[in-house]
Every structure is written in structure tokens, then in C-alpha cells.
Amino acid sequence: MDLNKSYIQWLVQMTPLTWTTSEERVKSFLNKDSAQITVDLEILIGKKVINK
């Protein structure tokens, strides 16, 4: 997935990976015009079972 500059800012704000890194590294990443990311998801679906 290609991210433009505004999406990069949203990514930085939401990911815990940037919460503990240096401000310099975050600023360096935010200065990019675009970035490519890969997303790996695992979706869990719960179902309520009623025992009769």
C-alpha cells in the first residue's frame, strides 16, 4: 500500500511503534513524500452461544 504525506501523519499518530522512538526519527519519517507499508491482519469473530 502506498501512503501519501497525510496518510503517513495518521500512521505515525496511531501506531505504538512510534510512541517510544526518538523525535528525530519520527520527524525524519514525517518528512517523506510517500511510503510503502505492508499490513498483516488477523480478524477474530466471536459468537455468543446460549446453552438451553
PDB file of N, CA and C in Angstrom:
ATOM      1  N   MET A   1       0.849  -1.164   0.000  1.00  0.00           N
ATOM      2  CA  MET A   1       0.000   0.000   0.000  1.00  0.00           C
ATOM      3  C   MET A   1       0.898   1.230   0.000  1.00  0.00           C
ATOM      4  N   ASP A   2       0.622   2.161  -0.879  1.00  0.00           N
ATOM      5  CA  ASP A   2       1.359   3.422  -0.924  1.00  0.00           C
ATOM      6  C   ASP A   2       0.626   4.474  -0.102  1.00  0.00           C
ATOM      7  N   LEU A   3       1.368   5.163   0.728  1.00  0.00           N
ATOM      8  CA  LEU A   3       0.790   6.214   1.562  1.00  0.00           C
ATOM      9  C   LEU A   3       1.300   7.572   1.122  1.00  0.00           C
ATOM     10  N   ASN A   4       0.397   8.543   1.012  1.00  0.00           N
ATOM     11  CA  ASN A   4       0.835   9.906   0.733  1.00  0.00           C
ATOM     12  C   ASN A   4       1.172  10.596   2.061  1.00  0.00           C
ATOM     13  N   LYS A   5       1.581  11.843   2.004  1.00  0.00           N
ATOM     14  CA  LYS A   5       2.062  12.554   3.187  1.00  0.00           C
ATOM     15  C   LYS A   5       1.020  12.625   4.307  1.00  0.00           C
ATOM     16  N   SER A   6      -0.236  12.875   3.993  1.00  0.00           N
ATOM     17  CA  SER A   6      -1.242  12.983   5.051  1.00  0.00           C
ATOM     18  C   SER A   6      -1.504  11.624   5.704  1.00  0.00           C
ATOM     19  N   TYR A   7      -1.473  10.552   4.921  1.00  0.00           N
ATOM     20  CA  TYR A   7      -1.654   9.223   5.497  1.00  0.00           C
ATOM     21  C   TYR A   7      -0.468   8.821   6.376  1.00  0.00           C
ATOM     22  N   ILE A   8       0.726   9.272   6.000  1.00  0.00           N
ATOM     23  CA  ILE A   8       1.904   8.996   6.819  1.00  0.00           C
ATOM     24  C   ILE A   8       1.733   9.624   8.200  1.00  0.00           C
ATOM     25  N   GLN A   9       1.225  10.834   8.253  1.00  0.00           N
ATOM     26  CA  GLN A   9       0.996  11.505   9.539  1.00  0.00           C
ATOM     27  C   GLN A   9      -0.002  10.721  10.386  1.00  0.00           C
ATOM     28  N   TRP A  10      -1.072  10.240   9.774  1.00  0.00           N
ATOM     29  CA  TRP A  10      -2.070   9.447  10.518  1.00  0.00           C
ATOM     30  C   TRP A  10      -1.445   8.148  11.040  1.00  0.00           C
ATOM     31  N   LEU A  11      -0.626   7.511  10.207  1.00  0.00           N
ATOM     32  CA  LEU A  11       0.026   6.270  10.612  1.00  0.00           C
ATOM     33  C   LEU A  11       0.917   6.502  11.829  1.00  0.00           C
ATOM     34  N   VAL A  12       1.691   7.559  11.805  1.00  0.00           N
ATOM     35  CA  VAL A  12       2.594   7.869  12.913  1.00  0.00           C
ATOM     36  C   VAL A  12       1.811   8.128  14.193  1.00  0.00           C
ATOM     37  N   GLN A  13       0.685   8.783  14.096  1.00  0.00           N
ATOM     38  CA  GLN A  13      -0.110   9.088  15.282  1.00  0.00           C
ATOM     39  C   GLN A  13      -0.747   7.833  15.886  1.00  0.00           C
ATOM     40  N   MET A  14      -1.120   6.861  15.066  1.00  0.00           N
ATOM     41  CA  MET A  14      -1.866   5.710  15.577  1.00  0.00           C
ATOM     42  C   MET A  14      -1.008   4.527  15.997  1.00  0.00           C
ATOM     43  N   THR A  15       0.207   4.428  15.496  1.00  0.00           N
ATOM     44  CA  THR A  15       0.987   3.227  15.767  1.00  0.00           C
ATOM     45  C   THR A  15       1.809   3.335  17.049  1.00  0.00           C
ATOM     46  N   PRO A  16       1.746   2.330  17.897  1.00  0.00           N
ATOM     47  CA  PRO A  16       2.565   2.334  19.116  1.00  0.00           C
ATOM     48  C   PRO A  16       4.064   2.259  18.821  1.00  0.00           C
ATOM     49  N   LEU A  17       4.437   1.847  17.613  1.00  0.00           N
ATOM     50  CA  LEU A  17       5.854   1.737  17.273  1.00  0.00           C
ATOM     51  C   LEU A  17       6.570   3.077  17.325  1.00  0.00           C
ATOM     52  N   THR A  18       5.849   4.172  17.134  1.00  0.00           N
ATOM     53  CA  THR A  18       6.491   5.494  17.154  1.00  0.00           C
ATOM     54  C   THR A  18       6.411   6.157  18.527  1.00  0.00           C
ATOM     55  N   TRP A  19       5.655   5.585  19.432  1.00  0.00           N
ATOM     56  CA  TRP A  19       5.498   6.204  20.747  1.00  0.00           C
ATOM     57  C   TRP A  19       6.787   6.194  21.563  1.00  0.00           C
ATOM     58  N   THR A  20       7.658   5.230  21.322  1.00  0.00           N
ATOM     59  CA  THR A  20       8.880   5.122  22.114  1.00  0.00           C
ATOM     60  C   THR A  20      10.150   5.455  21.334  1.00  0.00           C
ATOM     61  N   THR A  21      10.014   5.886  20.103  1.00  0.00           N
ATOM     62  CA  THR A  21      11.195   6.216  19.300  1.00  0.00           C
ATOM     63  C   THR A  21      11.555   7.686  19.481  1.00  0.00           C
ATOM     64  N   SER A  22      12.715   8.057  19.010  1.00  0.00           N
ATOM     65  CA  SER A  22      13.176   9.439  19.179  1.00  0.00           C
ATOM     66  C   SER A  22      12.369  10.392  18.281  1.00  0.00           C
ATOM     67  N   GLU A  23      12.296  11.625  18.721  1.00  0.00           N
ATOM     68  CA  GLU A  23      11.573  12.643  17.957  1.00  0.00           C
ATOM     69  C   GLU A  23      12.233  12.870  16.600  1.00  0.00           C
ATOM     70  N   GLU A  24      13.556  12.746  16.551  1.00  0.00           N
ATOM     71  CA  GLU A  24      14.285  12.914  15.282  1.00  0.00           C
ATOM     72  C   GLU A  24      13.852  11.878  14.248  1.00  0.00           C
ATOM     73  N   ARG A  25      13.712  10.638  14.680  1.00  0.00           N
ATOM     74  CA  ARG A  25      13.311   9.572  13.749  1.00  0.00           C
ATOM     75  C   ARG A  25      11.882   9.765  13.263  1.00  0.00           C
ATOM     76  N   VAL A  26      11.016  10.211  14.159  1.00  0.00           N
ATOM     77  CA  VAL A  26       9.627  10.467  13.758  1.00  0.00           C
ATOM     78  C   VAL A  26       9.583  11.605  12.750  1.00  0.00           C
ATOM     79  N   LYS A  27      10.297  12.684  13.022  1.00  0.00           N
ATOM     80  CA  LYS A  27      10.316  13.824  12.100  1.00  0.00           C
ATOM     81  C   LYS A  27      10.893  13.425  10.749  1.00  0.00           C
ATOM     82  N   SER A  28      11.927  12.604  10.765  1.00  0.00           N
ATOM     83  CA  SER A  28      12.532  12.141   9.515  1.00  0.00           C
ATOM     84  C   SER A  28      11.523  11.355   8.679  1.00  0.00           C
ATOM     85  N   PHE A  29      10.764  10.492   9.336  1.00  0.00           N
ATOM     86  CA  PHE A  29       9.742   9.714   8.630  1.00  0.00           C
ATOM     87  C   PHE A  29       8.627  10.616   8.115  1.00  0.00           C
ATOM     88  N   LEU A  30       8.231  11.615   8.921  1.00  0.00           N
ATOM     89  CA  LEU A  30       7.152  12.521   8.518  1.00  0.00           C
ATOM     90  C   LEU A  30       7.552  13.411   7.338  1.00  0.00           C
ATOM     91  N   ASN A  31       8.832  13.593   7.123  1.00  0.00           N
ATOM     92  CA  ASN A  31       9.296  14.436   6.011  1.00  0.00           C
ATOM     93  C   ASN A  31       9.251  13.722   4.667  1.00  0.00           C
ATOM     94  N   LYS A  32       8.945  12.444   4.661  1.00  0.00           N
ATOM     95  CA  LYS A  32       8.847  11.702   3.401  1.00  0.00           C
ATOM     96  C   LYS A  32       7.614  12.147   2.617  1.00  0.00           C
ATOM     97  N   ASP A  33       7.727  12.139   1.312  1.00  0.00           N
ATOM     98  CA  ASP A  33       6.578  12.470   0.454  1.00  0.00           C
ATOM     99  C   ASP A  33       5.626  11.292   0.308  1.00  0.00           C
ATOM    100  N   SER A  34       6.170  10.071   0.410  1.00  0.00           N
ATOM    101  CA  SER A  34       5.343   8.876   0.319  1.00  0.00           C
ATOM    102  C   SER A  34       6.069   7.737   1.029  1.00  0.00           C
ATOM    103  N   ALA A  35       5.324   6.677   1.302  1.00  0.00           N
ATOM    104  CA  ALA A  35       5.902   5.493   1.945  1.00  0.00           C
ATOM    105  C   ALA A  35       5.095   4.282   1.538  1.00  0.00           C
ATOM    106  N   GLN A  36       5.742   3.132   1.551  1.00  0.00           N
ATOM    107  CA  GLN A  36       5.056   1.874   1.272  1.00  0.00           C
ATOM    108  C   GLN A  36       5.003   1.074   2.561  1.00  0.00           C
ATOM    109  N   ILE A  37       3.837   0.503   2.853  1.00  0.00           N
ATOM    110  CA  ILE A  37       3.690  -0.325   4.038  1.00  0.00           C
ATOM    111  C   ILE A  37       3.002  -1.634   3.661  1.00  0.00           C
ATOM    112  N   THR A  38       3.198  -2.607   4.501  1.00  0.00           N
ATOM    113  CA  THR A  38       2.508  -3.889   4.384  1.00  0.00           C
ATOM    114  C   THR A  38       1.715  -4.087   5.662  1.00  0.00           C
ATOM    115  N   VAL A  39       0.485  -4.519   5.527  1.00  0.00           N
ATOM    116  CA  VAL A  39      -0.380  -4.722   6.680  1.00  0.00           C
ATOM    117  C   VAL A  39      -0.731  -6.198   6.771  1.00  0.00           C
ATOM    118  N   ASP A  40      -0.529  -6.766   7.951  1.00  0.00           N
ATOM    119  CA  ASP A  40      -0.872  -8.159   8.209  1.00  0.00           C
ATOM    120  C   ASP A  40      -1.914  -8.163   9.313  1.00  0.00           C
ATOM    121  N   LEU A  41      -3.103  -8.630   8.987  1.00  0.00           N
ATOM    122  CA  LEU A  41      -4.211  -8.601   9.942  1.00  0.00           C
ATOM    123  C   LEU A  41      -4.672 -10.003  10.296  1.00  0.00           C
ATOM    124  N   GLU A  42      -5.139 -10.130  11.516  1.00  0.00           N
ATOM    125  CA  GLU A  42      -5.816 -11.350  11.943  1.00  0.00           C
ATOM    126  C   GLU A  42      -7.138 -10.899  12.549  1.00  0.00           C
ATOM    127  N   ILE A  43      -8.223 -11.336  11.953  1.00  0.00           N
ATOM    128  CA  ILE A  43      -9.547 -10.907  12.389  1.00  0.00           C
ATOM    129  C   ILE A  43     -10.192 -12.042  13.186  1.00  0.00           C
ATOM    130  N   LEU A  44     -10.579 -11.725  14.410  1.00  0.00           N
ATOM    131  CA  LEU A  44     -11.244 -12.697  15.267  1.00  0.00           C
ATOM    132  C   LEU A  44     -12.716 -12.355  15.325  1.00  0.00           C
ATOM    133  N   ILE A  45     -13.565 -13.347  15.127  1.00  0.00           N
ATOM    134  CA  ILE A  45     -15.015 -13.137  15.173  1.00  0.00           C
ATOM    135  C   ILE A  45     -15.561 -13.980  16.322  1.00  0.00           C
ATOM    136  N   GLY A  46     -16.233 -13.312  17.244  1.00  0.00           N
ATOM    137  CA  GLY A  46     -16.813 -14.009  18.381  1.00  0.00           C
ATOM    138  C   GLY A  46     -18.294 -14.248  18.155  1.00  0.00           C
ATOM    139  N   LYS A  47     -18.783 -15.324  18.722  1.00  0.00           N
ATOM    140  CA  LYS A  47     -20.198 -15.649  18.582  1.00  0.00           C
ATOM    141  C   LYS A  47     -20.716 -16.060  19.951  1.00  0.00           C
ATOM    142  N   LYS A  48     -21.774 -15.412  20.368  1.00  0.00           N
ATOM    143  CA  LYS A  48     -22.379 -15.728  21.649  1.00  0.00           C
ATOM    144  C   LYS A  48     -23.204 -17.002  21.507  1.00  0.00           C
ATOM    145  N   VAL A  49     -22.915 -17.961  22.374  1.00  0.00           N
ATOM    146  CA  VAL A  49     -23.632 -19.230  22.349  1.00  0.00           C
ATOM    147  C   VAL A  49     -24.512 -19.285  23.596  1.00  0.00           C
ATOM    148  N   ILE A  50     -25.775 -19.544  23.391  1.00  0.00           N
ATOM    149  CA  ILE A  50     -26.712 -19.648  24.509  1.00  0.00           C
ATOM    150  C   ILE A  50     -27.013 -21.128  24.734  1.00  0.00           C
ATOM    151  N   ASN A  51     -26.677 -21.619  25.920  1.00  0.00           N
ATOM    152  CA  ASN A  51     -26.968 -23.020  26.270  1.00  0.00           C
ATOM    153  C   ASN A  51     -28.381 -23.117  26.797  1.00  0.00           C
ATOM    154  N   LYS A  52     -29.140 -24.047  26.275  1.00  0.00           N
ATOM    155  CA  LYS A  52     -30.534 -24.225  26.702  1.00  0.00           C
ATOM    156  C   LYS A  52     -30.666 -25.378  27.641  1.00  0.00           C
TER     157      LYS A  52
END
